[in-house]
Amino acid sequence: MRKTILFLLFCFLPCVSQAETQVYFSPNGGCERAVVSEMMKAEHTIDIAMYYLSSREIAKALVKALDRNVAIRIVLDQGQEIESSSKSGYLVKHGLSVRYHMGFGLMHNKFAIMDGQSLITGSFNWTRTAEEKNEENLLIMDDPKIINQYKDRFEYLWRTSRPDSRNAKGVDVVPSWFCSNFHVFCGN
């Protein structure tokens, strides 16, 4: 009996789904390419909490995902609204939902959730410098328990962040300096 159970476990254990994690490093270790690839796989939703987003390739991938009717929500650090190299204005202009962290500290998270089934996280900021010069790491995982914790955190960040101060054409509705300095909700 014991041998039969061990035999069955040995035969069927490989069929049990195991959580998988992919690991990337930069500089030039494919982090940016991995992020774009995951976004291109998304079919329904992409939720992003990102400290710094200035990567042209990632911004283009987000617009392409929106064109495929993927619902996208992005929370950035509030400094990204006025940072000249940030892609926040480009994303707003193309119709993506962008919000800014309202806390007094940095919104220093770096994660994205695709379709509630894939998580990207790590030290990697979505910038050209992070891809080409910095020592960074990126993990892509599919563990449902971990993803649920990140989903909960994203919902909190989304609820407590303010909308972009520009309308869909990228034109200031309320000056961004006002929103950033006085921490008020500035919506379209």
N, C-alpha and C. Protein backbone atom coordinates (compact mmCIF):
# COMPACT_ATOMS: atom_id res chain seq x y z
N MET A 1 0.82 -1.19 0.00
CA MET A 1 0.00 0.00 0.00
C MET A 1 0.88 1.26 0.00
N ARG A 2 1.87 1.29 0.85
CA ARG A 2 2.75 2.44 0.94
C ARG A 2 3.51 2.65 -0.36
N LYS A 3 3.96 1.57 -0.98
CA LYS A 3 4.67 1.66 -2.25
C LYS A 3 3.74 2.19 -3.35
N THR A 4 2.47 1.78 -3.30
CA THR A 4 1.50 2.23 -4.29
C THR A 4 1.29 3.74 -4.17
N ILE A 5 1.16 4.23 -2.95
CA ILE A 5 0.97 5.67 -2.73
C ILE A 5 2.19 6.44 -3.21
N LEU A 6 3.38 5.96 -2.87
CA LEU A 6 4.60 6.62 -3.32
C LEU A 6 4.70 6.61 -4.84
N PHE A 7 4.33 5.49 -5.44
CA PHE A 7 4.36 5.40 -6.91
C PHE A 7 3.40 6.42 -7.53
N LEU A 8 2.17 6.50 -7.00
CA LEU A 8 1.19 7.45 -7.53
C LEU A 8 1.65 8.90 -7.35
N LEU A 9 2.23 9.20 -6.18
CA LEU A 9 2.75 10.54 -5.96
C LEU A 9 3.87 10.85 -6.95
N PHE A 10 4.75 9.90 -7.16
CA PHE A 10 5.85 10.09 -8.08
C PHE A 10 5.35 10.32 -9.51
N CYS A 11 4.29 9.61 -9.89
CA CYS A 11 3.76 9.73 -11.25
C CYS A 11 2.95 11.01 -11.46
N PHE A 12 2.17 11.41 -10.46
CA PHE A 12 1.24 12.51 -10.65
C PHE A 12 1.71 13.85 -10.08
N LEU A 13 2.72 13.85 -9.22
CA LEU A 13 3.21 15.10 -8.66
C LEU A 13 3.70 16.07 -9.72
N PRO A 14 4.37 15.62 -10.77
CA PRO A 14 4.78 16.59 -11.81
C PRO A 14 3.60 17.27 -12.50
N CYS A 15 2.41 16.67 -12.44
CA CYS A 15 1.23 17.27 -13.07
C CYS A 15 0.67 18.43 -12.26
N VAL A 16 1.01 18.50 -10.98
CA VAL A 16 0.51 19.56 -10.12
C VAL A 16 1.21 20.87 -10.51
N SER A 17 0.42 21.89 -10.71
CA SER A 17 0.96 23.17 -11.13
C SER A 17 1.80 23.81 -10.03
N GLN A 18 2.98 24.22 -10.37
CA GLN A 18 3.88 24.91 -9.45
C GLN A 18 3.98 26.37 -9.86
N ALA A 19 4.04 27.26 -8.88
CA ALA A 19 4.24 28.67 -9.18
C ALA A 19 5.61 28.83 -9.83
N GLU A 20 5.67 29.72 -10.81
CA GLU A 20 6.91 29.93 -11.55
C GLU A 20 7.37 31.38 -11.38
N THR A 21 8.68 31.56 -11.29
CA THR A 21 9.26 32.89 -11.20
C THR A 21 10.38 33.00 -12.23
N GLN A 22 10.33 34.08 -13.01
CA GLN A 22 11.40 34.39 -13.95
C GLN A 22 12.22 35.52 -13.35
N VAL A 23 13.54 35.47 -13.52
CA VAL A 23 14.43 36.45 -12.93
C VAL A 23 15.24 37.14 -14.03
N TYR A 24 15.31 38.48 -13.93
CA TYR A 24 16.09 39.28 -14.89
C TYR A 24 16.94 40.28 -14.10
N PHE A 25 18.07 40.64 -14.67
CA PHE A 25 18.94 41.66 -14.09
C PHE A 25 19.31 42.66 -15.17
N SER A 26 19.65 43.86 -14.75
CA SER A 26 20.20 44.82 -15.68
C SER A 26 21.51 45.30 -15.07
N PRO A 27 22.40 45.92 -15.83
CA PRO A 27 22.11 46.52 -17.13
C PRO A 27 22.08 45.49 -18.25
N ASN A 28 21.28 45.82 -19.25
CA ASN A 28 21.17 45.05 -20.49
C ASN A 28 20.87 43.58 -20.27
N GLY A 29 20.01 43.30 -19.29
CA GLY A 29 19.65 41.91 -19.02
C GLY A 29 18.25 41.54 -19.45
N GLY A 30 17.62 42.41 -20.23
CA GLY A 30 16.32 42.09 -20.77
C GLY A 30 15.13 42.47 -19.91
N CYS A 31 15.35 43.29 -18.88
CA CYS A 31 14.23 43.69 -18.01
C CYS A 31 13.14 44.42 -18.80
N GLU A 32 13.52 45.42 -19.56
CA GLU A 32 12.54 46.19 -20.32
C GLU A 32 11.79 45.29 -21.31
N ARG A 33 12.50 44.44 -22.00
CA ARG A 33 11.89 43.52 -22.96
C ARG A 33 10.91 42.57 -22.26
N ALA A 34 11.27 42.12 -21.05
CA ALA A 34 10.38 41.23 -20.29
C ALA A 34 9.09 41.94 -19.89
N VAL A 35 9.20 43.21 -19.47
CA VAL A 35 8.01 43.99 -19.10
C VAL A 35 7.10 44.14 -20.31
N VAL A 36 7.67 44.54 -21.44
CA VAL A 36 6.88 44.72 -22.67
C VAL A 36 6.22 43.40 -23.07
N SER A 37 6.94 42.32 -22.99
CA SER A 37 6.41 41.01 -23.36
C SER A 37 5.20 40.63 -22.49
N GLU A 38 5.31 40.86 -21.20
CA GLU A 38 4.18 40.56 -20.30
C GLU A 38 2.97 41.42 -20.63
N MET A 39 3.21 42.68 -20.95
CA MET A 39 2.09 43.57 -21.29
C MET A 39 1.42 43.15 -22.58
N MET A 40 2.18 42.67 -23.52
CA MET A 40 1.61 42.23 -24.79
C MET A 40 0.76 40.97 -24.62
N LYS A 41 0.98 40.22 -23.55
CA LYS A 41 0.18 39.02 -23.27
C LYS A 41 -1.14 39.36 -22.58
N ALA A 42 -1.22 40.53 -21.94
CA ALA A 42 -2.41 40.90 -21.17
C ALA A 42 -3.63 40.96 -22.08
N GLU A 43 -4.74 40.42 -21.60
CA GLU A 43 -5.98 40.39 -22.37
C GLU A 43 -7.08 41.25 -21.75
N HIS A 44 -7.03 41.46 -20.42
CA HIS A 44 -8.15 42.14 -19.75
C HIS A 44 -7.72 43.36 -18.94
N THR A 45 -6.72 43.19 -18.07
CA THR A 45 -6.34 44.28 -17.17
C THR A 45 -4.83 44.37 -16.98
N ILE A 46 -4.38 45.60 -16.75
CA ILE A 46 -3.01 45.86 -16.30
C ILE A 46 -3.12 46.93 -15.22
N ASP A 47 -2.65 46.62 -14.03
CA ASP A 47 -2.60 47.57 -12.92
C ASP A 47 -1.13 47.80 -12.58
N ILE A 48 -0.72 49.07 -12.52
CA ILE A 48 0.68 49.42 -12.35
C ILE A 48 0.85 50.40 -11.20
N ALA A 49 1.79 50.12 -10.32
CA ALA A 49 2.25 51.07 -9.30
C ALA A 49 3.75 51.24 -9.57
N MET A 50 4.13 52.42 -10.08
CA MET A 50 5.50 52.60 -10.54
C MET A 50 6.04 53.95 -10.08
N TYR A 51 7.19 53.92 -9.46
CA TYR A 51 7.82 55.15 -9.01
C TYR A 51 8.21 56.04 -10.20
N TYR A 52 8.90 55.49 -11.17
CA TYR A 52 9.43 56.31 -12.26
C TYR A 52 9.20 55.59 -13.58
N LEU A 53 8.49 56.22 -14.51
CA LEU A 53 8.18 55.60 -15.80
C LEU A 53 8.56 56.59 -16.91
N SER A 54 9.70 56.32 -17.54
CA SER A 54 10.12 57.17 -18.66
C SER A 54 10.53 56.34 -19.88
N SER A 55 10.33 55.03 -19.82
CA SER A 55 10.68 54.15 -20.94
C SER A 55 9.70 54.33 -22.10
N ARG A 56 10.22 54.73 -23.23
CA ARG A 56 9.40 54.89 -24.43
C ARG A 56 8.79 53.56 -24.86
N GLU A 57 9.57 52.49 -24.80
CA GLU A 57 9.08 51.18 -25.24
C GLU A 57 7.94 50.67 -24.36
N ILE A 58 8.07 50.85 -23.06
CA ILE A 58 7.01 50.41 -22.15
C ILE A 58 5.76 51.28 -22.33
N ALA A 59 5.94 52.57 -22.50
CA ALA A 59 4.79 53.47 -22.73
C ALA A 59 4.06 53.08 -24.01
N LYS A 60 4.80 52.78 -25.07
CA LYS A 60 4.18 52.34 -26.33
C LYS A 60 3.42 51.03 -26.14
N ALA A 61 4.00 50.10 -25.38
CA ALA A 61 3.32 48.82 -25.12
C ALA A 61 2.01 49.04 -24.36
N LEU A 62 1.99 49.99 -23.45
CA LEU A 62 0.76 50.29 -22.72
C LEU A 62 -0.31 50.86 -23.65
N VAL A 63 0.07 51.74 -24.55
CA VAL A 63 -0.89 52.30 -25.51
C VAL A 63 -1.42 51.19 -26.42
N LYS A 64 -0.54 50.28 -26.86
CA LYS A 64 -0.98 49.15 -27.69
C LYS A 64 -1.95 48.26 -26.92
N ALA A 65 -1.68 48.05 -25.64
CA ALA A 65 -2.59 47.23 -24.82
C ALA A 65 -3.95 47.92 -24.70
N LEU A 66 -3.94 49.23 -24.51
CA LEU A 66 -5.21 49.98 -24.46
C LEU A 66 -5.96 49.85 -25.79
N ASP A 67 -5.23 49.89 -26.90
CA ASP A 67 -5.85 49.72 -28.22
C ASP A 67 -6.49 48.33 -28.37
N ARG A 68 -6.00 47.34 -27.60
CA ARG A 68 -6.60 45.99 -27.60
C ARG A 68 -7.73 45.89 -26.58
N ASN A 69 -8.15 47.03 -26.04
CA ASN A 69 -9.23 47.10 -25.04
C ASN A 69 -8.85 46.50 -23.69
N VAL A 70 -7.57 46.53 -23.35
CA VAL A 70 -7.12 46.13 -22.02
C VAL A 70 -7.36 47.33 -21.10
N ALA A 71 -8.02 47.11 -19.97
CA ALA A 71 -8.26 48.17 -18.98
C ALA A 71 -6.96 48.38 -18.20
N ILE A 72 -6.48 49.62 -18.20
CA ILE A 72 -5.19 49.93 -17.58
C ILE A 72 -5.37 51.02 -16.53
N ARG A 73 -4.81 50.77 -15.34
CA ARG A 73 -4.78 51.77 -14.27
C ARG A 73 -3.33 51.91 -13.82
N ILE A 74 -2.89 53.17 -13.69
CA ILE A 74 -1.50 53.43 -13.34
C ILE A 74 -1.45 54.40 -12.17
N VAL A 75 -0.69 54.05 -11.14
CA VAL A 75 -0.40 54.95 -10.02
C VAL A 75 1.09 55.25 -10.07
N LEU A 76 1.42 56.54 -10.14
CA LEU A 76 2.81 56.98 -10.18
C LEU A 76 3.10 57.86 -8.97
N ASP A 77 4.37 58.03 -8.67
CA ASP A 77 4.76 59.00 -7.66
C ASP A 77 4.33 60.38 -8.15
N GLN A 78 3.91 61.24 -7.26
CA GLN A 78 3.37 62.54 -7.66
C GLN A 78 4.37 63.40 -8.42
N GLY A 79 5.65 63.20 -8.23
CA GLY A 79 6.65 63.95 -8.97
C GLY A 79 6.64 63.66 -10.46
N GLN A 80 6.06 62.52 -10.85
CA GLN A 80 6.01 62.14 -12.26
C GLN A 80 5.08 63.03 -13.09
N GLU A 81 4.17 63.72 -12.44
CA GLU A 81 3.25 64.58 -13.17
C GLU A 81 3.98 65.78 -13.79
N ILE A 82 5.03 66.25 -13.13
CA ILE A 82 5.73 67.43 -13.63
C ILE A 82 7.14 67.12 -14.13
N GLU A 83 7.60 65.89 -13.97
CA GLU A 83 8.94 65.50 -14.43
C GLU A 83 8.96 65.47 -15.96
N SER A 84 9.88 66.20 -16.55
CA SER A 84 9.89 66.34 -18.02
C SER A 84 10.14 65.04 -18.77
N SER A 85 10.89 64.11 -18.18
CA SER A 85 11.16 62.87 -18.89
C SER A 85 10.12 61.78 -18.63
N SER A 86 9.18 62.05 -17.73
CA SER A 86 8.12 61.09 -17.43
C SER A 86 7.21 60.89 -18.64
N LYS A 87 6.72 59.69 -18.80
CA LYS A 87 5.77 59.38 -19.87
C LYS A 87 4.32 59.57 -19.42
N SER A 88 4.09 60.16 -18.24
CA SER A 88 2.72 60.32 -17.74
C SER A 88 1.87 61.15 -18.69
N GLY A 89 2.40 62.26 -19.19
CA GLY A 89 1.63 63.10 -20.12
C GLY A 89 1.29 62.36 -21.39
N TYR A 90 2.23 61.60 -21.92
CA TYR A 90 2.01 60.78 -23.12
C TYR A 90 0.89 59.77 -22.87
N LEU A 91 0.92 59.13 -21.71
CA LEU A 91 -0.08 58.12 -21.38
C LEU A 91 -1.46 58.75 -21.22
N VAL A 92 -1.54 59.89 -20.53
CA VAL A 92 -2.82 60.59 -20.35
C VAL A 92 -3.35 61.02 -21.72
N LYS A 93 -2.49 61.57 -22.54
CA LYS A 93 -2.89 62.03 -23.88
C LYS A 93 -3.48 60.89 -24.72
N HIS A 94 -2.99 59.67 -24.49
CA HIS A 94 -3.50 58.52 -25.23
C HIS A 94 -4.66 57.82 -24.53
N GLY A 95 -5.18 58.42 -23.45
CA GLY A 95 -6.40 57.92 -22.83
C GLY A 95 -6.23 56.94 -21.69
N LEU A 96 -5.02 56.77 -21.17
CA LEU A 96 -4.83 55.86 -20.05
C LEU A 96 -5.19 56.54 -18.75
N SER A 97 -5.66 55.76 -17.78
CA SER A 97 -6.01 56.27 -16.45
C SER A 97 -4.76 56.33 -15.59
N VAL A 98 -4.33 57.56 -15.30
CA VAL A 98 -3.13 57.78 -14.50
C VAL A 98 -3.50 58.56 -13.25
N ARG A 99 -3.01 58.09 -12.13
CA ARG A 99 -3.20 58.78 -10.86
C ARG A 99 -1.85 58.96 -10.18
N TYR A 100 -1.84 59.86 -9.18
CA TYR A 100 -0.60 60.18 -8.47
C TYR A 100 -0.78 59.98 -6.97
N HIS A 101 0.22 59.39 -6.38
CA HIS A 101 0.26 59.11 -4.94
C HIS A 101 0.11 60.39 -4.14
N MET A 102 -0.70 60.36 -3.09
CA MET A 102 -0.98 61.55 -2.30
C MET A 102 -0.19 61.61 -0.99
N GLY A 103 0.57 60.59 -0.65
CA GLY A 103 1.30 60.60 0.61
C GLY A 103 2.44 61.59 0.60
N PHE A 104 3.03 61.83 1.77
CA PHE A 104 4.12 62.79 1.87
C PHE A 104 5.46 62.17 1.51
N GLY A 105 5.57 60.86 1.58
CA GLY A 105 6.79 60.17 1.16
C GLY A 105 6.68 59.79 -0.30
N LEU A 106 7.70 59.15 -0.81
CA LEU A 106 7.70 58.68 -2.19
C LEU A 106 6.78 57.49 -2.36
N MET A 107 6.14 57.38 -3.51
CA MET A 107 5.44 56.16 -3.88
C MET A 107 6.50 55.35 -4.63
N HIS A 108 7.27 54.57 -3.89
CA HIS A 108 8.47 53.94 -4.41
C HIS A 108 8.23 52.50 -4.87
N ASN A 109 6.96 52.09 -4.95
CA ASN A 109 6.65 50.76 -5.45
C ASN A 109 7.05 50.64 -6.91
N LYS A 110 7.30 49.40 -7.32
CA LYS A 110 7.63 49.09 -8.71
C LYS A 110 7.00 47.73 -9.00
N PHE A 111 5.70 47.74 -9.35
CA PHE A 111 5.06 46.47 -9.67
C PHE A 111 3.91 46.67 -10.65
N ALA A 112 3.59 45.59 -11.34
CA ALA A 112 2.46 45.56 -12.26
C ALA A 112 1.80 44.20 -12.19
N ILE A 113 0.48 44.19 -12.35
CA ILE A 113 -0.29 42.95 -12.33
C ILE A 113 -1.05 42.86 -13.65
N MET A 114 -0.85 41.78 -14.38
CA MET A 114 -1.53 41.55 -15.65
C MET A 114 -2.61 40.49 -15.48
N ASP A 115 -3.84 40.86 -15.81
CA ASP A 115 -4.99 39.94 -15.78
C ASP A 115 -5.17 39.25 -14.42
N GLY A 116 -4.61 39.82 -13.36
CA GLY A 116 -4.70 39.21 -12.05
C GLY A 116 -3.95 37.90 -11.94
N GLN A 117 -3.11 37.58 -12.93
CA GLN A 117 -2.46 36.27 -12.97
C GLN A 117 -0.94 36.33 -13.09
N SER A 118 -0.41 37.49 -13.39
CA SER A 118 1.03 37.64 -13.57
C SER A 118 1.48 38.90 -12.86
N LEU A 119 2.57 38.81 -12.11
CA LEU A 119 3.09 39.93 -11.34
C LEU A 119 4.52 40.23 -11.78
N ILE A 120 4.78 41.52 -12.04
CA ILE A 120 6.12 42.01 -12.29
C ILE A 120 6.51 42.86 -11.09
N THR A 121 7.67 42.60 -10.51
CA THR A 121 8.13 43.41 -9.38
C THR A 121 9.66 43.35 -9.32
N GLY A 122 10.23 44.17 -8.48
CA GLY A 122 11.68 44.23 -8.31
C GLY A 122 12.14 45.66 -8.21
N SER A 123 13.43 45.87 -8.20
CA SER A 123 13.96 47.23 -8.07
C SER A 123 13.93 48.01 -9.37
N PHE A 124 13.66 47.34 -10.47
CA PHE A 124 13.74 47.93 -11.81
C PHE A 124 12.71 49.04 -12.00
N ASN A 125 13.20 50.30 -12.12
CA ASN A 125 12.35 51.41 -12.55
C ASN A 125 12.20 51.29 -14.06
N TRP A 126 11.09 51.75 -14.59
CA TRP A 126 10.83 51.60 -16.02
C TRP A 126 11.43 52.78 -16.77
N THR A 127 12.77 52.79 -16.81
CA THR A 127 13.53 53.87 -17.43
C THR A 127 14.64 53.30 -18.31
N ARG A 128 15.11 54.09 -19.23
CA ARG A 128 16.23 53.71 -20.09
C ARG A 128 17.50 53.53 -19.24
N THR A 129 17.70 54.42 -18.26
CA THR A 129 18.88 54.33 -17.39
C THR A 129 18.89 53.02 -16.62
N ALA A 130 17.72 52.61 -16.10
CA ALA A 130 17.64 51.35 -15.37
C ALA A 130 17.98 50.17 -16.29
N GLU A 131 17.55 50.25 -17.54
CA GLU A 131 17.82 49.17 -18.49
C GLU A 131 19.29 49.12 -18.92
N GLU A 132 19.89 50.29 -19.12
CA GLU A 132 21.22 50.32 -19.73
C GLU A 132 22.38 50.56 -18.77
N LYS A 133 22.13 51.12 -17.59
CA LYS A 133 23.25 51.50 -16.73
C LYS A 133 23.17 50.97 -15.31
N ASN A 134 21.98 50.96 -14.72
CA ASN A 134 21.86 50.62 -13.30
C ASN A 134 21.93 49.12 -13.05
N GLU A 135 22.34 48.78 -11.84
CA GLU A 135 22.23 47.41 -11.36
C GLU A 135 20.83 47.24 -10.79
N GLU A 136 19.99 46.51 -11.50
CA GLU A 136 18.59 46.36 -11.13
C GLU A 136 18.19 44.89 -11.19
N ASN A 137 17.03 44.58 -10.61
CA ASN A 137 16.47 43.23 -10.71
C ASN A 137 14.99 43.31 -11.02
N LEU A 138 14.49 42.26 -11.65
CA LEU A 138 13.09 42.17 -12.02
C LEU A 138 12.65 40.72 -11.87
N LEU A 139 11.50 40.54 -11.25
CA LEU A 139 10.90 39.21 -11.09
C LEU A 139 9.54 39.20 -11.76
N ILE A 140 9.24 38.13 -12.45
CA ILE A 140 7.90 37.91 -13.00
C ILE A 140 7.42 36.60 -12.40
N MET A 141 6.30 36.67 -11.70
CA MET A 141 5.81 35.47 -11.01
C MET A 141 4.31 35.28 -11.21
N ASP A 142 3.89 34.05 -10.98
CA ASP A 142 2.48 33.72 -11.17
C ASP A 142 1.85 33.08 -9.94
N ASP A 143 2.43 33.29 -8.77
CA ASP A 143 1.92 32.72 -7.53
C ASP A 143 0.65 33.48 -7.10
N PRO A 144 -0.53 32.82 -7.12
CA PRO A 144 -1.79 33.51 -6.81
C PRO A 144 -1.83 34.16 -5.43
N LYS A 145 -1.23 33.53 -4.44
CA LYS A 145 -1.24 34.10 -3.09
C LYS A 145 -0.47 35.42 -3.04
N ILE A 146 0.69 35.46 -3.65
CA ILE A 146 1.49 36.69 -3.69
C ILE A 146 0.78 37.75 -4.53
N ILE A 147 0.25 37.35 -5.68
CA ILE A 147 -0.44 38.29 -6.56
C ILE A 147 -1.63 38.94 -5.83
N ASN A 148 -2.36 38.17 -5.05
CA ASN A 148 -3.50 38.72 -4.31
C ASN A 148 -3.06 39.79 -3.30
N GLN A 149 -1.91 39.60 -2.68
CA GLN A 149 -1.40 40.61 -1.76
C GLN A 149 -1.08 41.91 -2.52
N TYR A 150 -0.47 41.78 -3.68
CA TYR A 150 -0.17 42.95 -4.50
C TYR A 150 -1.44 43.60 -5.04
N LYS A 151 -2.45 42.80 -5.38
CA LYS A 151 -3.72 43.37 -5.84
C LYS A 151 -4.35 44.21 -4.74
N ASP A 152 -4.33 43.71 -3.51
CA ASP A 152 -4.88 44.47 -2.39
C ASP A 152 -4.13 45.79 -2.22
N ARG A 153 -2.81 45.74 -2.33
CA ARG A 153 -2.02 46.96 -2.16
C ARG A 153 -2.31 47.94 -3.29
N PHE A 154 -2.45 47.42 -4.51
CA PHE A 154 -2.75 48.31 -5.62
C PHE A 154 -4.09 49.00 -5.41
N GLU A 155 -5.10 48.27 -4.97
CA GLU A 155 -6.42 48.87 -4.75
C GLU A 155 -6.34 50.00 -3.72
N TYR A 156 -5.55 49.79 -2.67
CA TYR A 156 -5.35 50.84 -1.68
C TYR A 156 -4.68 52.07 -2.33
N LEU A 157 -3.62 51.85 -3.09
CA LEU A 157 -2.92 52.95 -3.74
C LEU A 157 -3.84 53.69 -4.71
N TRP A 158 -4.64 52.96 -5.45
CA TRP A 158 -5.56 53.57 -6.42
C TRP A 158 -6.59 54.46 -5.70
N ARG A 159 -7.16 53.92 -4.62
CA ARG A 159 -8.18 54.67 -3.86
C ARG A 159 -7.61 55.95 -3.25
N THR A 160 -6.37 55.92 -2.84
CA THR A 160 -5.79 57.05 -2.11
C THR A 160 -4.95 57.97 -2.99
N SER A 161 -5.04 57.80 -4.29
CA SER A 161 -4.29 58.63 -5.23
C SER A 161 -5.24 59.56 -5.97
N ARG A 162 -4.71 60.65 -6.49
CA ARG A 162 -5.54 61.63 -7.19
C ARG A 162 -5.35 61.49 -8.70
N PRO A 163 -6.39 61.83 -9.45
CA PRO A 163 -6.30 61.77 -10.92
C PRO A 163 -5.29 62.78 -11.46
N ASP A 164 -4.85 62.55 -12.67
CA ASP A 164 -3.97 63.48 -13.36
C ASP A 164 -4.69 64.81 -13.55
N SER A 165 -3.96 65.92 -13.47
CA SER A 165 -4.59 67.23 -13.59
C SER A 165 -4.84 67.64 -15.04
N ARG A 166 -4.40 66.81 -15.99
CA ARG A 166 -4.61 67.14 -17.41
C ARG A 166 -5.82 66.38 -17.94
N ASN A 167 -6.47 66.95 -18.91
CA ASN A 167 -7.58 66.23 -19.53
C ASN A 167 -7.01 65.24 -20.55
N ALA A 168 -7.86 64.56 -21.27
CA ALA A 168 -7.43 63.51 -22.20
C ALA A 168 -6.56 64.03 -23.33
N LYS A 169 -6.55 65.33 -23.57
CA LYS A 169 -5.70 65.88 -24.62
C LYS A 169 -4.35 66.31 -24.07
N GLY A 170 -4.10 66.08 -22.78
CA GLY A 170 -2.83 66.43 -22.18
C GLY A 170 -2.71 67.90 -21.84
N VAL A 171 -3.83 68.62 -21.81
CA VAL A 171 -3.84 70.04 -21.50
C VAL A 171 -4.15 70.21 -20.02
N ASP A 172 -3.42 71.10 -19.34
CA ASP A 172 -3.67 71.33 -17.93
C ASP A 172 -5.09 71.83 -17.69
N VAL A 173 -5.80 71.18 -16.77
CA VAL A 173 -7.11 71.63 -16.32
C VAL A 173 -6.89 72.47 -15.07
N VAL A 174 -6.12 71.94 -14.14
CA VAL A 174 -5.65 72.66 -12.97
C VAL A 174 -4.13 72.56 -13.04
N PRO A 175 -3.39 73.62 -12.80
CA PRO A 175 -1.94 73.54 -12.91
C PRO A 175 -1.36 72.41 -12.06
N SER A 176 -0.49 71.61 -12.64
CA SER A 176 0.07 70.46 -11.92
C SER A 176 0.85 70.89 -10.69
N TRP A 177 1.48 72.08 -10.72
CA TRP A 177 2.22 72.54 -9.55
C TRP A 177 1.28 72.72 -8.36
N PHE A 178 0.03 73.11 -8.63
CA PHE A 178 -0.95 73.31 -7.56
C PHE A 178 -1.28 71.97 -6.92
N CYS A 179 -1.54 70.98 -7.76
CA CYS A 179 -1.90 69.65 -7.26
C CYS A 179 -0.75 69.05 -6.46
N SER A 180 0.48 69.17 -6.99
CA SER A 180 1.64 68.59 -6.33
C SER A 180 1.96 69.29 -5.02
N ASN A 181 1.84 70.61 -4.98
CA ASN A 181 2.22 71.36 -3.79
C ASN A 181 1.16 71.35 -2.69
N PHE A 182 -0.10 71.29 -3.07
CA PHE A 182 -1.16 71.42 -2.09
C PHE A 182 -1.91 70.11 -1.83
N HIS A 183 -1.52 69.03 -2.50
CA HIS A 183 -2.08 67.70 -2.26
C HIS A 183 -3.61 67.70 -2.29
N VAL A 184 -4.16 68.29 -3.32
CA VAL A 184 -5.61 68.29 -3.47
C VAL A 184 -5.98 67.42 -4.66
N PHE A 185 -7.21 66.98 -4.68
CA PHE A 185 -7.66 66.17 -5.82
C PHE A 185 -7.91 67.09 -7.00
N CYS A 186 -7.24 66.81 -8.09
CA CYS A 186 -7.37 67.60 -9.29
C CYS A 186 -7.82 66.65 -10.39
N GLY A 187 -9.04 66.70 -10.78
CA GLY A 187 -9.53 65.77 -11.79
C GLY A 187 -9.99 66.48 -13.04
N ASN A 188 -10.38 65.67 -14.02
CA ASN A 188 -10.88 66.27 -15.24
C ASN A 188 -12.37 66.42 -15.12
